Protein backbone atom coordinates (compact mmCIF):
# COMPACT_ATOMS: atom_id res chain seq x y z
CA UNK A 1 22.51 -1.32 -18.66
CA UNK A 2 21.93 -3.01 -15.29
CA UNK A 3 24.01 -0.35 -13.55
CA UNK A 4 21.94 2.42 -15.18
CA UNK A 5 18.73 0.76 -13.96
CA UNK A 6 20.12 0.44 -10.45
CA UNK A 7 21.17 4.10 -10.42
CA UNK A 8 17.73 5.19 -11.66
CA UNK A 9 16.04 3.03 -9.01
CA UNK A 10 18.18 4.55 -6.24
CA UNK A 11 17.52 8.11 -7.46
CA UNK A 12 13.79 7.44 -7.67
CA UNK A 13 13.68 5.92 -4.18
CA UNK A 14 15.64 8.81 -2.67
CA UNK A 15 13.42 11.38 -4.37
CA UNK A 16 10.28 9.65 -3.11
CA UNK A 17 11.34 9.19 0.50
CA UNK A 18 12.96 12.61 0.82
CA UNK A 19 9.51 14.20 0.72
CA UNK A 20 7.90 11.69 3.08
CA UNK A 21 6.49 12.40 6.51
CA UNK A 22 7.99 9.98 9.04
CA UNK A 23 5.78 7.62 11.07
CA UNK A 24 4.32 9.11 14.23
CA UNK A 25 4.11 12.57 12.65
CA UNK A 26 1.23 11.86 10.27
CA UNK A 27 -2.14 13.57 10.45
CA UNK A 28 -5.34 12.96 8.51
CA UNK A 29 -4.48 15.93 6.26
CA UNK A 30 -1.36 14.06 5.06
CA UNK A 31 -3.55 11.50 3.27
CA UNK A 32 -5.83 11.20 0.29
CA UNK A 33 -8.51 8.66 1.33
CA UNK A 34 -10.93 6.31 -0.37
CA UNK A 35 -13.50 4.01 1.23
CA UNK A 36 -14.53 0.70 -0.33
CA UNK A 37 -17.47 -1.44 0.77
CA UNK A 38 -16.75 -5.17 0.52
CA UNK A 39 -19.34 -7.95 0.64
CA UNK A 40 -17.09 -10.36 2.54
CA UNK A 41 -15.57 -10.37 6.04
CA UNK A 42 -12.39 -8.66 7.24
CA UNK A 43 -10.51 -11.97 7.38
CA UNK A 44 -11.05 -12.65 3.66
CA UNK A 45 -10.21 -9.05 2.65
CA UNK A 46 -7.04 -9.15 4.74
CA UNK A 47 -6.03 -12.53 3.34
CA UNK A 48 -6.58 -11.35 -0.24
CA UNK A 49 -4.62 -8.14 0.43
CA UNK A 50 -1.63 -10.12 1.74
CA UNK A 51 -1.81 -12.56 -1.17
CA UNK A 52 -1.93 -9.69 -3.68
CA UNK A 53 1.11 -8.06 -2.10
CA UNK A 54 2.96 -11.40 -2.21
CA UNK A 55 1.99 -11.94 -5.84
CA UNK A 56 2.97 -8.46 -7.09
CA UNK A 57 5.71 -7.54 -4.64
CA UNK A 58 6.37 -4.07 -3.22
CA UNK A 59 6.43 -2.38 -6.67
CA UNK A 60 5.44 -2.97 -10.26
CA UNK A 61 5.76 -1.27 -13.62
CA UNK A 62 9.53 -1.16 -14.09
CA UNK A 63 12.17 1.35 -13.03
CA UNK A 64 10.90 4.62 -14.50
CA UNK A 65 7.13 4.11 -14.43
CA UNK A 66 7.09 2.33 -11.09
CA UNK A 67 3.99 2.05 -8.92
CA UNK A 68 4.72 1.26 -5.30
CA UNK A 69 2.36 -1.14 -3.54
CA UNK A 70 4.23 -0.88 -0.29
CA UNK A 71 5.59 -3.21 2.33
CA UNK A 72 2.97 -3.86 5.02
CA UNK A 73 3.43 -3.63 8.75
CA UNK A 74 0.11 -4.72 10.20
CA UNK A 75 -1.09 -4.36 13.77
CA UNK A 76 -2.71 -7.33 15.54
CA UNK A 77 -6.45 -7.70 14.92
CA UNK A 78 -8.29 -5.29 17.22
CA UNK A 79 -11.07 -6.26 19.63
CA UNK A 80 -13.69 -4.92 17.20
CA UNK A 81 -12.28 -7.17 14.44
CA UNK A 82 -10.59 -4.39 12.47
CA UNK A 83 -7.11 -4.57 10.94
CA UNK A 84 -4.74 -1.64 10.31
CA UNK A 85 -1.65 -1.90 8.10
CA UNK A 86 0.91 0.84 7.61
CA UNK A 87 2.32 0.53 4.11
CA UNK A 88 5.98 1.57 3.85
CA UNK A 89 7.87 2.60 0.74
CA UNK A 90 10.43 0.05 -0.44
CA UNK A 91 14.02 0.76 0.52
CA UNK A 92 17.41 -0.83 0.06
CA UNK A 93 17.13 -4.41 1.26
CA UNK A 94 13.55 -4.12 2.55
CA UNK A 95 11.34 -1.26 3.64
CA UNK A 96 12.19 2.35 4.26
CA UNK A 97 11.14 4.27 7.39
CA UNK A 98 8.54 6.30 5.49
CA UNK A 99 4.85 5.51 5.35
CA UNK A 100 3.42 5.32 1.83
CA UNK A 101 -0.09 4.99 3.19
CA UNK A 102 -2.45 2.98 5.38
CA UNK A 103 -5.04 0.32 4.79
CA UNK A 104 -7.72 -0.18 7.42
CA UNK A 105 -10.32 -2.93 7.14
CA UNK A 106 -13.33 -2.72 9.46
CA UNK A 107 -16.19 -5.15 9.95
CA UNK A 108 -19.74 -4.08 9.20
CA UNK A 109 -23.05 -5.87 9.53
CA UNK A 110 -22.69 -7.65 6.19
CA UNK A 111 -19.12 -7.73 4.98
CA UNK A 112 -16.47 -5.13 5.67
CA UNK A 113 -15.27 -1.65 4.76
CA UNK A 114 -11.73 -0.84 3.66
CA UNK A 115 -10.33 2.66 4.07
CA UNK A 116 -7.36 3.29 1.82
CA UNK A 117 -5.08 6.23 2.60
CA UNK A 118 -2.10 7.34 0.51
CA UNK A 119 0.14 10.24 1.50
CA UNK A 120 -0.50 13.31 -0.61
CA UNK A 121 3.17 13.65 -1.68
CA UNK A 122 3.19 10.26 -3.42
CA UNK A 123 3.16 9.96 -7.21
CA UNK A 124 0.59 7.64 -8.82
CA UNK A 125 -1.85 7.89 -5.88
CA UNK A 126 -4.75 6.66 -8.01
CA UNK A 127 -2.76 3.68 -9.32
CA UNK A 128 -1.69 2.74 -5.79
CA UNK A 129 -5.26 2.93 -4.46
CA UNK A 130 -6.58 0.97 -7.44
CA UNK A 131 -3.93 -1.73 -6.89
CA UNK A 132 -4.82 -1.97 -3.19
CA UNK A 133 -8.52 -2.20 -4.07
CA UNK A 134 -7.87 -4.99 -6.56
CA UNK A 135 -5.70 -6.82 -3.99
CA UNK A 136 -8.57 -6.62 -1.46
CA UNK A 137 -10.95 -8.01 -4.09
CA UNK A 138 -8.61 -10.93 -4.87
CA UNK A 139 -7.76 -9.64 -8.35
CA UNK A 140 -3.96 -9.20 -8.11
CA UNK A 141 -3.43 -10.61 -11.62
CA UNK A 142 -5.09 -7.47 -12.99
CA UNK A 143 -2.41 -5.37 -11.27
CA UNK A 144 0.60 -7.53 -12.17
CA UNK A 145 -0.31 -9.82 -15.08
């Protein structure tokens, strides 16, 4: 049974990343985007995102009905206070070389704005964006009870 699960996980991972656009070749048209207004600063949103990803891990939902949350690679905080994280699909022993999406958190006068981008080829785009939104809001337990 464990071998069957492992085989299914490998097949699913290969099928997902085989359609992916590699980093450095992405354009805005490769993404489905959503913007979320947050009533707290970038630092809190970023902290809650990281904590949610730690709590849930790179994926949830099992082998067949998996929802990828991604493995973050975040750039240093920019001069304007914004943070950009490329979210990579999970791979064998860590992350793959393919970008699942991007999360950008920007400061605004009162609070911050998060721009969530998921590549158009990805399955469960709405579930991924909803999970990211809940992570930003500090509600990871609603994603992975």
